[in-house]
Amino acid sequence: MRGATRAKWAACTLAVALAATACGGGSASGGSGADGIVSSSWGDPQNPLEPANTNEVQGGKVLDMIFRGLKRYDPKTGEAQNMVALRIDTTDSVNFTVVLKPGWKFSNGEAVTARSFVDAWNYGAHLKNNQRNAYFFGYIEGYDKVHPEKGEASAEKLSGLKVVDDTTFTVKLTQKFSTWPDTLGYAAFSPLPRAFFDDHDAWLAQPVGNGPYTVDSYAKGSQMSLRRWDGYTGSDKAQNGGIDLKVYTDNNTAYTDLIAGNLDLVDDVPASQLKNVKADLGDRYINTPAGIIQTLAFPYYDGAWKGADKAKVRTGLSMAINRKQITDTIFRQTRTPAKDWTSPVLGEEGGYDPTLCGKACEYDPAQAKRLIAEGGGLPGGRITISYNADTGSHKDWVDAVCNSIKNSLGNDKACVGNPVGTFADFRNQITQSKISGPFRAGWQMDYPLIQNFLQPLYYTNASSNDGKWSNKKFDDLIDKANAETDPVRAVETFKQAEEVVRDEMAAIPLWYQNGSAGYSERVFDVALNPFSVPVYNEIKVN
C-alpha cells in the first residue's frame, strides 16, 4: 500500500471523555433481558472504520457488528453462506452475476442496492483513497488502471464492475478464481450508503452500516457504544440491547474487572491468569480452536535480512525456539506449536499440513547455532523482537522466545524484546516500515481458505505483506492455484506455494492460537466464532 489513509476521525470522536454526548450519546451499560447492554474488552482500531481500510482485529470486531456483506461466515462452522446475496452465478469462474435479496436497508433508511456494492468496491480499490485493503479488489478487471503499481490512476472505476439494475450487478475477473465468491464475507467487500460519499467526515464520525448494530458513540481511548438496530431485517438479529466496547491497554486489568463484576466479557484471557481461569470462571471460560497463527515476520525492506544466507539465519532462529515449552508453561494448552503456516481449523483437506515445516520447526539448539553461523550470524550481532504491549500477553512469550534463542546460541545478548505501547502505534510503525528487526505478526483468517493464510501475507505487495517479502515462484504458484477450478488441485498448488515460504523461512511460524474468553454471570449464550471473535449478536443478558 502507498501510505496511510488521508481520512480523519471527526473532532468529536477524538474526545477522551466517555460520554461524547455531542456525538450521539446513548444509554449506559446495564439493564437486563432483551434490552440489556453487554460490556466487553476492546482496543482502539488502527484506522477509521472504513471497511476497505480495516485489516486488524479490533476494527474488524466493529465492522462485523455494523455491516453485512454478500456472504457471512457461519459463526459455528466458518462456512461462507449467502447473506445479502440471493445467489452468485458463474459458468467460467471469471464472469460472475450477483443477485441481491430484496428488502435490505442501511440504518439510515437507504436501500442496499447493487450500486451500494459497486460504489464501495470502486472506492476501496482506487489509489487516491489509500485503503489498506485495496489489494482484495486486485482480481477485478481494471484494477491495474485504478490502482497502478507506479504513477497515477488512469481510470476512476473498475471496468469489471457493472450495475445491471437495483438488485443485480456483474463482476469480471482478470483470471479464473473458482473460490472468489467465498471471499466475499470479508469486511472489505461490504456495501456503503450514499452518506459515506456525500459527507465523508460525518460518516467517519458515526459510521452507518446495514448490520444488526449501529454506532451510538465513540470516545477514542475510552469506549465505543453500539446499540441494537430494531430496523434490521437479517436473520441474525441482536439478542441484546447493545455492546459497550471498553478500551483497555492491559488485558490483566480487563480480567480483574471481569472477576470484580465490572465487565461482562473478556475475549483475550491474559497468559498470567490461565492458571486461575478455570477456578475463577468455571464453565464461563471458553477455550476453543480458532483460525489464528502467531508468527515472527522480518523487515525485508532492511538489507540486513536480504540474501540467500539470511534464509539460513531465519531457519536457525526457528530451530532455536522451544515452542512446546513456551506453549505448555506460558499458554497452558491455549496454543499449539505450529507445524505449517496455516491453521488446523482448515483440516488437512483444506490445506493444513502438519508435516510441512518439518525439522525447521523443531527445537534443535545445535543445528540452530550451526545454521545461523553459516548464514553470517545475526545482523548486528543480536535481534530485537518488536510487539505491542497493551494486549495479548505478548511480553511473556517474547521474553520466553528471546530466552530460548539466547540459551540455544549460548549468548545472553542475542535477543531482546522491544515493547510498543499500543496496538495502534505498533501497527503504524509496521505499515510505515519503521521496524528494523523481527516483529510479532499474528494472523487471524479473514475467511477459511488456505489462500487467505498465504496470499495476503506473502504475495508481492499484498495488503498484509508488512515485511515486503517477494518471491516470483511463490507468486506464480498462487496465481496458478487461484485459477484452478478443481478445489482439490487448487489446495495442492497452494501447498506448493507454501513450500516456497518454508524453504525461504519467509516468516517463522510459532503456534496456532485458540480463542480464549471469559464472561460474567450476567450474560449467557456466549461463544467465539472460528475467527476467535465473540458472536456479539447472540449474547443474552439475564
Protein backbone atom coordinates (compact mmCIF):
# COMPACT_ATOMS: atom_id res chain seq x y z
CA MET A 1 0.00 0.00 0.00
CA ARG A 2 1.02 3.59 -0.57
CA GLY A 3 0.92 5.20 2.85
CA ALA A 4 -1.83 5.74 5.38
CA THR A 5 -5.36 6.89 4.74
CA ARG A 6 -5.96 10.62 4.43
CA ALA A 7 -9.33 10.39 6.19
CA LYS A 8 -9.52 11.59 9.78
CA TRP A 9 -11.96 10.97 12.58
CA ALA A 10 -14.17 13.98 13.16
CA ALA A 11 -13.08 16.08 16.11
CA CYS A 12 -15.77 14.89 18.49
CA THR A 13 -14.72 11.26 18.18
CA LEU A 14 -11.27 12.12 19.47
CA ALA A 15 -12.61 13.32 22.80
CA VAL A 16 -11.24 11.48 25.77
CA ALA A 17 -14.47 11.86 27.71
CA LEU A 18 -16.57 8.72 27.92
CA ALA A 19 -19.97 10.23 27.26
CA ALA A 20 -19.34 12.08 23.98
CA THR A 21 -22.94 13.22 24.03
CA ALA A 22 -22.41 15.63 21.16
CA CYS A 23 -21.67 12.62 19.00
CA GLY A 24 -24.82 10.72 19.82
CA GLY A 25 -24.83 9.73 23.47
CA GLY A 26 -26.98 6.75 24.38
CA SER A 27 -27.92 4.63 27.33
CA ALA A 28 -25.28 3.42 29.76
CA SER A 29 -24.19 -0.20 30.16
CA GLY A 30 -26.55 -2.31 32.22
CA GLY A 31 -30.17 -3.32 32.16
CA SER A 32 -31.47 -6.83 31.78
CA GLY A 33 -33.25 -9.08 29.34
CA ALA A 34 -33.59 -8.29 25.65
CA ASP A 35 -32.59 -4.65 26.17
CA GLY A 36 -29.60 -5.34 28.40
CA ILE A 37 -26.25 -3.83 27.38
CA VAL A 38 -23.18 -6.07 27.29
CA SER A 39 -19.78 -4.63 28.23
CA SER A 40 -16.72 -6.16 26.57
CA SER A 41 -12.96 -5.51 26.50
CA TRP A 42 -11.53 -3.90 23.35
CA GLY A 43 -8.65 -1.89 21.91
CA ASP A 44 -8.80 1.20 19.70
CA PRO A 45 -8.58 0.29 16.00
CA GLN A 46 -5.64 1.48 13.94
CA ASN A 47 -7.73 3.35 11.37
CA PRO A 48 -11.22 4.84 10.96
CA LEU A 49 -13.84 2.16 10.32
CA GLU A 50 -13.93 2.27 6.55
CA PRO A 51 -14.44 -1.39 5.53
CA ALA A 52 -11.68 -1.30 2.91
CA ASN A 53 -9.25 0.34 5.33
CA THR A 54 -9.56 -2.05 8.29
CA ASN A 55 -7.33 -5.12 8.32
CA GLU A 56 -6.81 -5.64 12.04
CA VAL A 57 -8.79 -7.42 14.72
CA GLN A 58 -10.15 -4.58 16.86
CA GLY A 59 -11.66 -2.63 13.98
CA GLY A 60 -12.84 -5.89 12.44
CA LYS A 61 -14.94 -6.66 15.53
CA VAL A 62 -16.94 -3.48 14.98
CA LEU A 63 -17.33 -3.96 11.24
CA ASP A 64 -18.73 -7.43 11.91
CA MET A 65 -21.47 -5.83 14.01
CA ILE A 66 -22.43 -2.88 11.82
CA PHE A 67 -22.13 -4.41 8.33
CA ARG A 68 -23.45 -7.40 6.42
CA GLY A 69 -21.98 -8.30 3.05
CA LEU A 70 -22.90 -10.64 0.23
CA LYS A 71 -21.70 -13.58 2.32
CA ARG A 72 -21.29 -14.23 6.03
CA TYR A 73 -19.17 -16.89 7.65
CA ASP A 74 -21.19 -19.24 9.80
CA PRO A 75 -20.29 -18.47 13.44
CA LYS A 76 -20.01 -22.18 14.23
CA THR A 77 -18.53 -23.76 11.10
CA GLY A 78 -16.91 -20.85 9.24
CA GLU A 79 -18.75 -21.85 6.06
CA ALA A 80 -19.40 -18.97 3.65
CA GLN A 81 -23.17 -18.55 3.42
CA ASN A 82 -25.28 -16.10 1.45
CA MET A 83 -26.35 -13.05 3.43
CA VAL A 84 -27.27 -10.05 1.26
CA ALA A 85 -26.64 -12.18 -1.83
CA LEU A 86 -29.53 -14.24 -3.15
CA ARG A 87 -27.14 -16.02 -5.48
CA ILE A 88 -23.76 -15.60 -7.20
CA ASP A 89 -23.67 -17.34 -10.58
CA THR A 90 -20.82 -18.17 -12.95
CA THR A 91 -20.17 -20.57 -15.80
CA ASP A 92 -16.45 -19.91 -16.22
CA SER A 93 -15.09 -18.70 -12.81
CA VAL A 94 -14.23 -15.38 -14.48
CA ASN A 95 -17.59 -13.71 -15.07
CA PHE A 96 -19.96 -13.59 -12.10
CA THR A 97 -23.53 -12.34 -11.78
CA VAL A 98 -24.52 -11.21 -8.29
CA VAL A 99 -28.22 -11.05 -7.42
CA LEU A 100 -29.23 -9.41 -4.12
CA LYS A 101 -32.06 -10.31 -1.78
CA PRO A 102 -34.73 -7.61 -1.68
CA GLY A 103 -35.54 -5.58 1.41
CA TRP A 104 -32.08 -4.90 2.83
CA LYS A 105 -31.54 -1.38 4.17
CA PHE A 106 -28.88 0.73 5.85
CA SER A 107 -29.68 2.01 9.32
CA ASN A 108 -30.39 5.50 7.87
CA GLY A 109 -33.25 4.01 5.82
CA GLU A 110 -31.45 3.92 2.47
CA ALA A 111 -31.95 0.75 0.44
CA VAL A 112 -28.99 -1.57 -0.10
CA THR A 113 -28.68 -1.89 -3.87
CA ALA A 114 -26.22 -3.16 -6.44
CA ARG A 115 -24.82 0.35 -6.59
CA SER A 116 -24.10 0.21 -2.84
CA PHE A 117 -21.63 -2.60 -3.52
CA VAL A 118 -20.21 -1.32 -6.80
CA ASP A 119 -19.57 2.18 -5.46
CA ALA A 120 -17.99 0.79 -2.29
CA TRP A 121 -15.68 -1.54 -4.21
CA ASN A 122 -14.65 1.21 -6.62
CA TYR A 123 -13.83 3.43 -3.66
CA GLY A 124 -11.89 0.69 -1.90
CA ALA A 125 -9.84 -0.14 -4.97
CA HIS A 126 -8.84 3.37 -6.05
CA LEU A 127 -5.31 4.54 -5.38
CA LYS A 128 -6.33 8.04 -4.29
CA ASN A 129 -8.32 6.69 -1.34
CA ASN A 130 -5.32 4.92 0.24
CA GLN A 131 -7.33 1.97 1.51
CA ARG A 132 -5.25 -0.77 3.12
CA ASN A 133 -7.49 -3.49 1.72
CA ALA A 134 -7.43 -2.22 -1.86
CA TYR A 135 -5.49 -5.34 -2.77
CA PHE A 136 -8.57 -7.52 -2.21
CA PHE A 137 -10.09 -5.99 -5.35
CA GLY A 138 -7.00 -6.84 -7.38
CA TYR A 139 -8.60 -9.68 -9.32
CA ILE A 140 -11.37 -7.48 -10.72
CA GLU A 141 -10.75 -6.28 -14.26
CA GLY A 142 -9.46 -2.72 -14.37
CA TYR A 143 -7.65 -2.76 -11.03
CA ASP A 144 -4.36 -2.00 -12.78
CA LYS A 145 -5.92 1.23 -14.09
CA VAL A 146 -7.41 2.49 -10.80
CA HIS A 147 -4.50 1.27 -8.66
CA PRO A 148 -1.33 1.04 -10.79
CA GLU A 149 1.90 -0.11 -9.21
CA LYS A 150 3.54 3.13 -10.36
CA GLY A 151 2.25 6.53 -11.29
CA GLU A 152 -1.24 7.95 -11.13
CA ALA A 153 -4.54 6.17 -11.77
CA SER A 154 -5.78 6.32 -15.35
CA ALA A 155 -9.39 5.38 -14.55
CA GLU A 156 -11.90 6.21 -11.85
CA LYS A 157 -13.81 2.92 -11.80
CA LEU A 158 -13.12 -0.79 -12.11
CA SER A 159 -14.09 -1.78 -15.65
CA GLY A 160 -15.04 -5.25 -14.37
CA LEU A 161 -17.96 -3.94 -12.30
CA LYS A 162 -21.31 -3.20 -13.97
CA VAL A 163 -24.66 -2.34 -12.35
CA VAL A 164 -27.48 -4.14 -14.19
CA ASP A 165 -30.38 -2.99 -12.01
CA ASP A 166 -31.08 -2.29 -8.33
CA THR A 167 -30.62 -5.92 -7.31
CA THR A 168 -28.10 -7.16 -9.88
CA PHE A 169 -24.50 -6.43 -10.80
CA THR A 170 -21.83 -8.28 -12.74
CA VAL A 171 -18.17 -8.83 -11.95
CA LYS A 172 -15.43 -9.75 -14.44
CA LEU A 173 -12.13 -11.01 -13.04
CA THR A 174 -8.77 -10.99 -14.80
CA GLN A 175 -8.38 -14.75 -14.43
CA LYS A 176 -10.23 -17.79 -13.17
CA PHE A 177 -10.79 -17.71 -9.41
CA SER A 178 -13.13 -20.56 -8.52
CA THR A 179 -13.37 -19.76 -4.80
CA TRP A 180 -13.78 -15.99 -5.28
CA PRO A 181 -17.41 -15.98 -4.02
CA ASP A 182 -16.24 -17.49 -0.72
CA THR A 183 -14.02 -14.45 -0.08
CA LEU A 184 -16.98 -12.06 -0.15
CA GLY A 185 -17.79 -12.37 3.54
CA TYR A 186 -14.67 -10.34 4.26
CA ALA A 187 -15.45 -6.84 5.55
CA ALA A 188 -13.63 -5.07 2.69
CA PHE A 189 -16.45 -6.18 0.38
CA SER A 190 -19.18 -4.52 2.49
CA PRO A 191 -21.70 -2.14 0.85
CA LEU A 192 -21.66 1.58 1.61
CA PRO A 193 -24.53 4.08 1.71
CA ARG A 194 -24.58 7.36 -0.22
CA ALA A 195 -23.94 9.17 3.08
CA PHE A 196 -20.40 7.77 3.04
CA PHE A 197 -19.67 9.65 -0.17
CA ASP A 198 -21.87 12.72 0.36
CA ASP A 199 -20.43 13.69 3.77
CA HIS A 200 -17.39 11.54 4.40
CA ASP A 201 -16.27 13.25 7.63
CA ALA A 202 -19.73 12.93 9.18
CA TRP A 203 -19.87 9.25 8.24
CA LEU A 204 -16.44 8.63 9.79
CA ALA A 205 -17.61 10.31 12.99
CA GLN A 206 -20.63 7.99 13.19
CA PRO A 207 -20.48 5.15 10.65
CA VAL A 208 -23.72 3.96 9.06
CA GLY A 209 -23.97 0.31 8.05
CA ASN A 210 -26.53 -2.38 7.33
CA GLY A 211 -25.79 -4.76 10.22
CA PRO A 212 -27.67 -5.58 13.43
CA TYR A 213 -25.99 -2.76 15.41
CA THR A 214 -25.41 0.96 14.95
CA VAL A 215 -22.56 3.06 16.33
CA ASP A 216 -24.01 5.27 19.06
CA SER A 217 -20.81 7.00 20.23
CA TYR A 218 -17.05 6.62 20.27
CA ALA A 219 -14.56 8.22 22.65
CA LYS A 220 -11.07 7.24 21.49
CA GLY A 221 -9.07 5.65 24.27
CA SER A 222 -12.18 5.01 26.31
CA GLN A 223 -15.23 3.34 24.76
CA MET A 224 -17.31 2.66 21.68
CA SER A 225 -21.02 2.14 22.29
CA LEU A 226 -23.07 0.13 19.81
CA ARG A 227 -26.82 -0.27 20.05
CA ARG A 228 -29.23 -2.78 18.57
CA TRP A 229 -30.87 -1.59 15.35
CA ASP A 230 -34.50 -2.62 15.56
CA GLY A 231 -35.00 -1.99 11.84
CA TYR A 232 -32.54 -4.73 10.91
CA THR A 233 -34.19 -7.38 8.72
CA GLY A 234 -31.45 -10.01 8.60
CA SER A 235 -31.83 -13.46 10.13
CA ASP A 236 -29.18 -12.81 12.79
CA LYS A 237 -30.85 -10.09 14.84
CA ALA A 238 -29.19 -8.84 18.03
CA GLN A 239 -30.37 -10.69 21.14
CA ASN A 240 -29.30 -7.85 23.43
CA GLY A 241 -29.75 -4.09 23.59
CA GLY A 242 -26.20 -3.28 22.57
CA ILE A 243 -22.49 -3.68 23.19
CA ASP A 244 -20.19 -1.28 25.04
CA LEU A 245 -16.62 -1.93 23.85
CA LYS A 246 -14.34 -0.65 26.62
CA VAL A 247 -10.74 0.19 25.77
CA TYR A 248 -8.06 -1.50 27.89
CA THR A 249 -4.33 -1.05 27.45
CA ASP A 250 -3.63 -4.01 29.76
CA ASN A 251 -5.65 -7.20 29.44
CA ASN A 252 -4.84 -8.09 33.07
CA THR A 253 -6.84 -5.04 34.12
CA ALA A 254 -9.72 -6.20 31.91
CA TYR A 255 -9.62 -9.64 33.52
CA THR A 256 -9.60 -8.09 37.01
CA ASP A 257 -12.65 -6.02 36.07
CA LEU A 258 -14.41 -9.16 34.83
CA ILE A 259 -13.78 -11.00 38.10
CA ALA A 260 -14.90 -7.94 40.07
CA GLY A 261 -18.19 -7.78 38.16
CA ASN A 262 -17.34 -4.54 36.34
CA LEU A 263 -17.14 -6.15 32.87
CA ASP A 264 -19.23 -8.81 31.13
CA LEU A 265 -16.80 -10.23 28.59
CA VAL A 266 -13.04 -10.56 28.07
CA ASP A 267 -12.11 -12.12 24.74
CA ASP A 268 -8.37 -12.32 25.46
CA VAL A 269 -7.63 -14.04 28.76
CA PRO A 270 -4.08 -12.97 29.74
CA ALA A 271 -1.46 -15.71 29.93
CA SER A 272 -0.70 -14.84 33.56
CA GLN A 273 -4.30 -15.71 34.51
CA LEU A 274 -4.59 -19.03 32.68
CA LYS A 275 -3.57 -20.93 35.81
CA ASN A 276 -6.51 -19.38 37.66
CA VAL A 277 -9.16 -19.03 35.00
CA LYS A 278 -10.99 -22.33 35.46
CA ALA A 279 -11.21 -21.81 39.21
CA ASP A 280 -12.31 -18.20 38.70
CA LEU A 281 -14.89 -18.78 35.97
CA GLY A 282 -15.70 -22.50 35.75
CA ASP A 283 -17.96 -23.10 32.73
CA ARG A 284 -17.82 -19.40 31.87
CA TYR A 285 -14.31 -19.89 30.46
CA ILE A 286 -14.08 -20.56 26.69
CA ASN A 287 -11.06 -22.26 25.10
CA THR A 288 -11.74 -23.24 21.51
CA PRO A 289 -9.70 -23.70 18.29
CA ALA A 290 -9.54 -20.66 16.03
CA GLY A 291 -8.12 -19.72 12.65
CA ILE A 292 -5.18 -17.83 14.13
CA ILE A 293 -1.45 -18.32 13.78
CA GLN A 294 1.31 -16.37 15.52
CA THR A 295 4.50 -15.76 13.55
CA LEU A 296 7.67 -13.71 13.60
CA ALA A 297 7.90 -11.55 10.49
CA PHE A 298 11.03 -9.89 9.12
CA PRO A 299 11.67 -6.46 7.58
CA TYR A 300 12.85 -7.35 4.08
CA TYR A 301 12.98 -3.64 3.27
CA ASP A 302 16.07 -3.71 5.51
CA GLY A 303 19.04 -5.05 3.54
CA ALA A 304 20.32 -6.84 6.63
CA TRP A 305 17.66 -9.52 6.13
CA LYS A 306 18.04 -9.99 2.37
CA GLY A 307 20.10 -12.63 0.59
CA ALA A 308 20.18 -16.43 0.41
CA ASP A 309 22.32 -16.77 3.53
CA LYS A 310 19.76 -14.98 5.64
CA ALA A 311 17.27 -17.80 4.95
CA LYS A 312 19.66 -19.99 6.92
CA VAL A 313 19.68 -17.46 9.76
CA ARG A 314 15.89 -17.35 9.85
CA THR A 315 15.65 -21.15 9.79
CA GLY A 316 18.24 -21.30 12.56
CA LEU A 317 16.21 -18.88 14.65
CA SER A 318 13.13 -21.06 14.10
CA MET A 319 15.03 -24.09 15.40
CA ALA A 320 16.27 -22.10 18.40
CA ILE A 321 12.72 -21.61 19.71
CA ASN A 322 11.33 -24.22 22.10
CA ARG A 323 7.68 -23.95 21.06
CA LYS A 324 6.40 -26.80 23.20
CA GLN A 325 7.93 -25.46 26.39
CA ILE A 326 6.52 -21.98 25.76
CA THR A 327 3.02 -23.15 24.86
CA ASP A 328 2.92 -25.53 27.84
CA THR A 329 4.29 -23.22 30.51
CA ILE A 330 3.01 -19.81 29.43
CA PHE A 331 -0.14 -20.56 27.47
CA ARG A 332 -1.31 -23.75 29.21
CA GLN A 333 -2.74 -25.53 26.17
CA THR A 334 -4.38 -22.45 24.66
CA ARG A 335 -1.68 -22.55 21.96
CA THR A 336 -0.31 -25.44 19.88
CA PRO A 337 3.20 -25.46 18.34
CA ALA A 338 2.92 -24.59 14.64
CA LYS A 339 3.83 -27.15 12.03
CA ASP A 340 2.93 -25.10 8.95
CA TRP A 341 1.83 -21.57 8.04
CA THR A 342 -1.98 -22.12 8.08
CA SER A 343 -4.29 -23.41 10.82
CA PRO A 344 -5.68 -26.79 11.90
CA VAL A 345 -9.22 -25.36 11.61
CA LEU A 346 -8.86 -25.75 7.82
CA GLY A 347 -8.46 -29.51 8.16
CA GLU A 348 -5.99 -31.42 6.02
CA GLU A 349 -8.46 -31.47 3.14
CA GLY A 350 -8.48 -27.67 3.30
CA GLY A 351 -4.69 -27.35 3.21
CA TYR A 352 -3.46 -27.71 6.78
CA ASP A 353 -0.29 -29.85 6.66
CA PRO A 354 1.23 -30.97 9.98
CA THR A 355 4.35 -32.27 8.18
CA LEU A 356 5.19 -29.26 6.02
CA CYS A 357 7.58 -27.33 8.25
CA GLY A 358 9.26 -30.50 9.49
CA LYS A 359 12.60 -30.19 11.28
CA ALA A 360 12.73 -26.44 10.62
CA CYS A 361 10.04 -26.02 13.29
CA GLU A 362 11.58 -28.47 15.77
CA TYR A 363 13.72 -27.33 18.67
CA ASP A 364 17.36 -28.17 17.89
CA PRO A 365 19.86 -25.79 19.54
CA ALA A 366 22.96 -27.34 17.95
CA GLN A 367 21.54 -27.14 14.41
CA ALA A 368 20.20 -23.64 15.10
CA LYS A 369 23.64 -22.41 16.12
CA ARG A 370 25.26 -24.02 13.07
CA LEU A 371 22.77 -22.57 10.56
CA ILE A 372 22.98 -19.06 12.00
CA ALA A 373 26.77 -19.20 11.81
CA GLU A 374 26.64 -20.47 8.20
CA GLY A 375 24.31 -17.59 7.35
CA GLY A 376 26.77 -14.99 8.60
CA GLY A 377 25.36 -14.59 12.10
CA LEU A 378 22.61 -12.40 13.47
CA PRO A 379 22.52 -8.97 11.76
CA GLY A 380 24.26 -6.56 14.11
CA GLY A 381 25.03 -9.40 16.50
CA ARG A 382 21.54 -9.66 18.01
CA ILE A 383 17.85 -9.47 17.15
CA THR A 384 15.21 -7.17 18.59
CA ILE A 385 11.64 -8.52 18.56
CA SER A 386 9.01 -5.77 18.47
CA TYR A 387 5.49 -6.28 19.81
CA ASN A 388 2.53 -4.30 21.11
CA ALA A 389 2.47 -4.22 24.90
CA ASP A 390 -1.20 -3.46 25.51
CA THR A 391 -2.94 -6.74 24.63
CA GLY A 392 -2.26 -10.42 24.11
CA SER A 393 0.31 -11.17 26.84
CA HIS A 394 2.98 -10.63 24.21
CA LYS A 395 5.71 -9.62 26.66
CA ASP A 396 5.53 -13.03 28.32
CA TRP A 397 6.08 -15.02 25.17
CA VAL A 398 8.53 -12.60 23.53
CA ASP A 399 10.71 -12.79 26.65
CA ALA A 400 10.44 -16.59 26.54
CA VAL A 401 11.34 -16.72 22.84
CA CYS A 402 14.34 -14.48 23.47
CA ASN A 403 15.47 -16.65 26.39
CA SER A 404 15.18 -19.75 24.21
CA ILE A 405 17.26 -18.12 21.45
CA LYS A 406 19.87 -16.89 23.93
CA ASN A 407 20.16 -20.33 25.51
CA SER A 408 20.38 -22.06 22.14
CA LEU A 409 23.15 -19.77 20.93
CA GLY A 410 24.96 -19.55 24.25
CA ASN A 411 24.81 -15.78 24.03
CA ASP A 412 22.88 -13.79 26.63
CA LYS A 413 22.84 -10.70 24.36
CA ALA A 414 21.48 -12.45 21.25
CA CYS A 415 17.85 -11.34 21.65
CA VAL A 416 15.82 -8.60 23.31
CA GLY A 417 12.16 -7.59 23.25
CA ASN A 418 11.00 -4.16 22.09
CA PRO A 419 7.58 -3.26 23.55
CA VAL A 420 5.50 -0.67 21.68
CA GLY A 421 2.87 0.98 23.89
CA THR A 422 -0.35 0.41 21.97
CA PHE A 423 -1.60 -1.81 19.19
CA ALA A 424 -2.38 1.23 17.01
CA ASP A 425 1.15 2.64 17.46
CA PHE A 426 2.66 -0.77 16.75
CA ARG A 427 0.65 -1.17 13.56
CA ASN A 428 1.56 2.33 12.42
CA GLN A 429 5.27 1.59 12.83
CA ILE A 430 4.84 -1.61 10.83
CA THR A 431 2.84 -0.10 7.98
CA GLN A 432 5.32 2.77 7.73
CA SER A 433 8.21 0.25 7.51
CA LYS A 434 9.90 1.71 10.59
CA ILE A 435 10.68 -1.55 12.40
CA SER A 436 14.23 -2.75 11.91
CA GLY A 437 14.12 -6.27 13.31
CA PRO A 438 11.71 -9.23 13.62
CA PHE A 439 8.21 -8.35 14.81
CA ARG A 440 5.06 -10.06 16.03
CA ALA A 441 2.79 -10.89 13.12
CA GLY A 442 -0.24 -12.78 14.32
CA TRP A 443 -2.77 -13.58 11.60
CA GLN A 444 -6.47 -14.10 12.13
CA MET A 445 -8.05 -15.53 8.99
CA ASP A 446 -10.38 -13.30 7.01
CA TYR A 447 -12.10 -16.32 5.50
CA PRO A 448 -11.48 -20.07 5.98
CA LEU A 449 -9.40 -20.79 2.87
CA ILE A 450 -5.71 -21.75 2.64
CA GLN A 451 -5.37 -18.90 0.15
CA ASN A 452 -6.07 -16.41 2.93
CA PHE A 453 -3.17 -17.68 5.06
CA LEU A 454 -0.75 -17.24 2.16
CA GLN A 455 -1.63 -14.60 -0.41
CA PRO A 456 -2.37 -11.54 1.79
CA LEU A 457 0.80 -12.17 3.82
CA TYR A 458 3.43 -13.26 1.31
CA TYR A 459 2.38 -12.29 -2.21
CA THR A 460 4.41 -9.39 -3.60
CA ASN A 461 2.91 -6.07 -2.44
CA ALA A 462 -0.06 -7.82 -0.82
CA SER A 463 -2.15 -5.85 1.67
CA SER A 464 -0.72 -7.52 4.80
CA ASN A 465 2.75 -8.32 3.47
CA ASP A 466 4.18 -5.97 6.08
CA GLY A 467 7.75 -7.22 5.77
CA LYS A 468 7.76 -6.75 1.97
CA TRP A 469 8.92 -10.30 1.21
CA SER A 470 8.81 -11.10 -2.52
CA ASN A 471 9.33 -14.31 -4.46
CA LYS A 472 8.29 -14.80 -8.09
CA LYS A 473 7.95 -18.58 -7.80
CA PHE A 474 5.57 -18.15 -4.88
CA ASP A 475 3.55 -15.50 -6.75
CA ASP A 476 3.25 -17.70 -9.84
CA LEU A 477 2.05 -20.69 -7.80
CA ILE A 478 -0.56 -18.53 -6.05
CA ASP A 479 -1.84 -17.30 -9.42
CA LYS A 480 -1.97 -20.88 -10.69
CA ALA A 481 -3.82 -22.09 -7.59
CA ASN A 482 -6.41 -19.33 -7.84
CA ALA A 483 -7.06 -20.27 -11.46
CA GLU A 484 -7.77 -23.92 -10.64
CA THR A 485 -11.44 -24.87 -10.94
CA ASP A 486 -10.90 -28.17 -9.11
CA PRO A 487 -10.75 -27.36 -5.35
CA VAL A 488 -8.52 -30.37 -4.63
CA ARG A 489 -5.94 -29.33 -7.22
CA ALA A 490 -6.16 -25.74 -6.02
CA VAL A 491 -5.30 -26.75 -2.44
CA GLU A 492 -2.35 -28.85 -3.63
CA THR A 493 -0.98 -25.92 -5.61
CA PHE A 494 -1.37 -23.59 -2.65
CA LYS A 495 0.62 -26.09 -0.60
CA GLN A 496 3.39 -25.97 -3.23
CA ALA A 497 3.45 -22.19 -2.76
CA GLU A 498 3.65 -22.71 1.00
CA GLU A 499 6.73 -24.87 0.47
CA VAL A 500 8.46 -21.81 -1.01
CA VAL A 501 7.59 -19.90 2.18
CA ARG A 502 9.11 -22.75 4.17
CA ASP A 503 12.30 -23.01 2.09
CA GLU A 504 12.91 -19.28 2.49
CA MET A 505 11.55 -19.18 6.07
CA ALA A 506 9.76 -16.02 4.95
CA ALA A 507 8.27 -15.83 8.45
CA ILE A 508 8.80 -18.09 11.46
CA PRO A 509 5.61 -19.95 12.46
CA LEU A 510 5.33 -20.09 16.25
CA TRP A 511 1.98 -21.52 17.31
CA TYR A 512 -1.68 -21.85 16.48
CA GLN A 513 -3.90 -19.92 18.82
CA ASN A 514 -7.15 -20.94 20.46
CA GLY A 515 -9.87 -18.45 21.12
CA SER A 516 -9.78 -17.76 24.85
CA ALA A 517 -12.52 -15.81 26.60
CA GLY A 518 -14.34 -15.45 29.88
CA TYR A 519 -17.69 -13.92 30.77
CA SER A 520 -19.72 -12.86 33.78
CA GLU A 521 -22.77 -14.47 35.37
CA ARG A 522 -24.84 -11.61 33.99
CA VAL A 523 -24.71 -12.93 30.40
CA PHE A 524 -25.21 -16.27 28.67
CA ASP A 525 -25.11 -17.88 25.21
CA VAL A 526 -21.59 -16.51 24.81
CA ALA A 527 -19.46 -18.09 22.07
CA LEU A 528 -16.47 -17.36 19.87
CA ASN A 529 -16.60 -17.86 16.11
CA PRO A 530 -13.81 -19.65 14.18
CA PHE A 531 -12.03 -16.29 13.93
CA SER A 532 -11.98 -16.11 17.79
CA VAL A 533 -14.30 -13.08 17.75
CA PRO A 534 -17.27 -13.09 20.12
CA VAL A 535 -20.61 -13.68 18.41
CA TYR A 536 -21.92 -10.47 19.94
CA ASN A 537 -25.39 -10.57 18.41
CA GLU A 538 -26.17 -13.93 20.08
CA ILE A 539 -25.22 -12.90 23.63
CA LYS A 540 -28.18 -12.69 26.00
CA VAL A 541 -28.43 -10.77 29.27
CA ASN A 542 -30.07 -12.26 32.37
